[in-house]
Amino acid sequence: MNDEEIKAEELLHSFINQLEDVNCDKDYVKRDAIACAKIAVDEILKNIEATILYHKESKALPLNKSYWLGVKEALNYL
């Protein structure tokens, strides 16, 4: 398992823990948790894009963006 897949799993479990009290059906909880995790990653990616506009010389930001895109992709396989 790579770093992005590990982070995707961590996000999923964080949201599952929050949603388990709301829903009883585990399939719905997992589906909703994945959707929430994707929303969180999309917000992170928007922030990275905005930051890149002001810090074009940064070498870390594109790597950070690549990492979070990988996390988002990994969420598709959970």
C-alpha atoms as a PDB file:
ATOM      1  CA  MET A   1       0.000   0.000   0.000  1.00  0.00           C
ATOM      2  CA  ASN A   2       1.460   3.394  -0.984  1.00  0.00           C
ATOM      3  CA  ASP A   3       1.247   6.671   0.976  1.00  0.00           C
ATOM      4  CA  GLU A   4      -1.754   7.922  -0.992  1.00  0.00           C
ATOM      5  CA  GLU A   5      -3.701   4.706  -0.391  1.00  0.00           C
ATOM      6  CA  ILE A   6      -2.868   4.863   3.321  1.00  0.00           C
ATOM      7  CA  LYS A   7      -4.107   8.470   3.533  1.00  0.00           C
ATOM      8  CA  ALA A   8      -7.289   7.532   1.620  1.00  0.00           C
ATOM      9  CA  GLU A   9      -7.934   4.753   4.158  1.00  0.00           C
ATOM     10  CA  GLU A  10      -7.286   7.151   7.056  1.00  0.00           C
ATOM     11  CA  LEU A  11      -9.733   9.703   5.652  1.00  0.00           C
ATOM     12  CA  LEU A  12     -12.339   7.028   5.016  1.00  0.00           C
ATOM     13  CA  HIS A  13     -12.122   5.703   8.565  1.00  0.00           C
ATOM     14  CA  SER A  14     -12.293   9.211  10.028  1.00  0.00           C
ATOM     15  CA  PHE A  15     -15.538   9.876   8.209  1.00  0.00           C
ATOM     16  CA  ILE A  16     -16.945   6.400   8.911  1.00  0.00           C
ATOM     17  CA  ASN A  17     -16.423   6.989  12.627  1.00  0.00           C
ATOM     18  CA  GLN A  18     -18.391  10.235  12.372  1.00  0.00           C
ATOM     19  CA  LEU A  19     -21.193   8.802  10.235  1.00  0.00           C
ATOM     20  CA  GLU A  20     -21.759   5.526  12.059  1.00  0.00           C
ATOM     21  CA  ASP A  21     -23.863   7.303  14.666  1.00  0.00           C
ATOM     22  CA  VAL A  22     -26.099   8.771  11.948  1.00  0.00           C
ATOM     23  CA  ASN A  23     -26.713   5.767   9.693  1.00  0.00           C
ATOM     24  CA  CYS A  24     -27.150   2.125  10.606  1.00  0.00           C
ATOM     25  CA  ASP A  25     -26.507   0.584   7.184  1.00  0.00           C
ATOM     26  CA  LYS A  26     -22.753   0.050   6.812  1.00  0.00           C
ATOM     27  CA  ASP A  27     -22.904   0.256   2.982  1.00  0.00           C
ATOM     28  CA  TYR A  28     -24.463   3.708   3.168  1.00  0.00           C
ATOM     29  CA  VAL A  29     -21.993   4.805   5.822  1.00  0.00           C
ATOM     30  CA  LYS A  30     -19.020   3.760   3.672  1.00  0.00           C
ATOM     31  CA  ARG A  31     -20.485   5.400   0.541  1.00  0.00           C
ATOM     32  CA  ASP A  32     -21.155   8.632   2.406  1.00  0.00           C
ATOM     33  CA  ALA A  33     -17.730   8.542   4.081  1.00  0.00           C
ATOM     34  CA  ILE A  34     -16.011   8.192   0.695  1.00  0.00           C
ATOM     35  CA  ALA A  35     -18.060  11.104  -0.658  1.00  0.00           C
ATOM     36  CA  CYS A  36     -17.068  13.249   2.343  1.00  0.00           C
ATOM     37  CA  ALA A  37     -13.406  12.315   1.970  1.00  0.00           C
ATOM     38  CA  LYS A  38     -13.505  13.291  -1.725  1.00  0.00           C
ATOM     39  CA  ILE A  39     -15.017  16.661  -0.810  1.00  0.00           C
ATOM     40  CA  ALA A  40     -12.226  17.218   1.713  1.00  0.00           C
ATOM     41  CA  VAL A  41      -9.558  16.326  -0.856  1.00  0.00           C
ATOM     42  CA  ASP A  42     -11.178  18.618  -3.445  1.00  0.00           C
ATOM     43  CA  GLU A  43     -10.972  21.487  -0.958  1.00  0.00           C
ATOM     44  CA  ILE A  44      -7.306  20.731  -0.317  1.00  0.00           C
ATOM     45  CA  LEU A  45      -6.643  20.683  -4.069  1.00  0.00           C
ATOM     46  CA  LYS A  46      -8.410  24.046  -4.529  1.00  0.00           C
ATOM     47  CA  ASN A  47      -6.218  25.516  -1.816  1.00  0.00           C
ATOM     48  CA  ILE A  48      -3.087  24.133  -3.458  1.00  0.00           C
ATOM     49  CA  GLU A  49      -4.123  25.595  -6.821  1.00  0.00           C
ATOM     50  CA  ALA A  50      -4.679  29.013  -5.252  1.00  0.00           C
ATOM     51  CA  THR A  51      -1.351  28.835  -3.442  1.00  0.00           C
ATOM     52  CA  ILE A  52       0.483  27.856  -6.639  1.00  0.00           C
ATOM     53  CA  LEU A  53      -0.725  31.115  -8.229  1.00  0.00           C
ATOM     54  CA  TYR A  54       1.157  33.110  -5.574  1.00  0.00           C
ATOM     55  CA  HIS A  55       4.153  30.844  -5.137  1.00  0.00           C
ATOM     56  CA  LYS A  56       4.994  29.795  -8.674  1.00  0.00           C
ATOM     57  CA  GLU A  57       8.605  29.097  -7.792  1.00  0.00           C
ATOM     58  CA  SER A  58       7.684  26.466  -5.165  1.00  0.00           C
ATOM     59  CA  LYS A  59       8.851  22.970  -6.004  1.00  0.00           C
ATOM     60  CA  ALA A  60       6.926  21.373  -3.131  1.00  0.00           C
ATOM     61  CA  LEU A  61       3.447  22.498  -4.180  1.00  0.00           C
ATOM     62  CA  PRO A  62       3.283  20.426  -7.384  1.00  0.00           C
ATOM     63  CA  LEU A  63       4.454  17.382  -5.412  1.00  0.00           C
ATOM     64  CA  ASN A  64       1.826  18.089  -2.777  1.00  0.00           C
ATOM     65  CA  LYS A  65      -0.819  18.400  -5.504  1.00  0.00           C
ATOM     66  CA  SER A  66       0.306  15.126  -7.029  1.00  0.00           C
ATOM     67  CA  TYR A  67       0.047  13.421  -3.633  1.00  0.00           C
ATOM     68  CA  TRP A  68      -3.536  14.621  -3.047  1.00  0.00           C
ATOM     69  CA  LEU A  69      -4.566  13.672  -6.580  1.00  0.00           C
ATOM     70  CA  GLY A  70      -3.263  10.208  -5.746  1.00  0.00           C
ATOM     71  CA  VAL A  71      -5.307  10.162  -2.546  1.00  0.00           C
ATOM     72  CA  LYS A  72      -8.422  11.125  -4.503  1.00  0.00           C
ATOM     73  CA  GLU A  73      -7.749   8.353  -7.010  1.00  0.00           C
ATOM     74  CA  ALA A  74      -7.220   5.837  -4.194  1.00  0.00           C
ATOM     75  CA  LEU A  75     -10.616   6.761  -2.752  1.00  0.00           C
ATOM     76  CA  ASN A  76     -12.179   5.466  -5.972  1.00  0.00           C
ATOM     77  CA  TYR A  77     -10.967   1.978  -5.136  1.00  0.00           C
ATOM     78  CA  LEU A  78     -12.156   1.765  -1.530  1.00  0.00           C
END
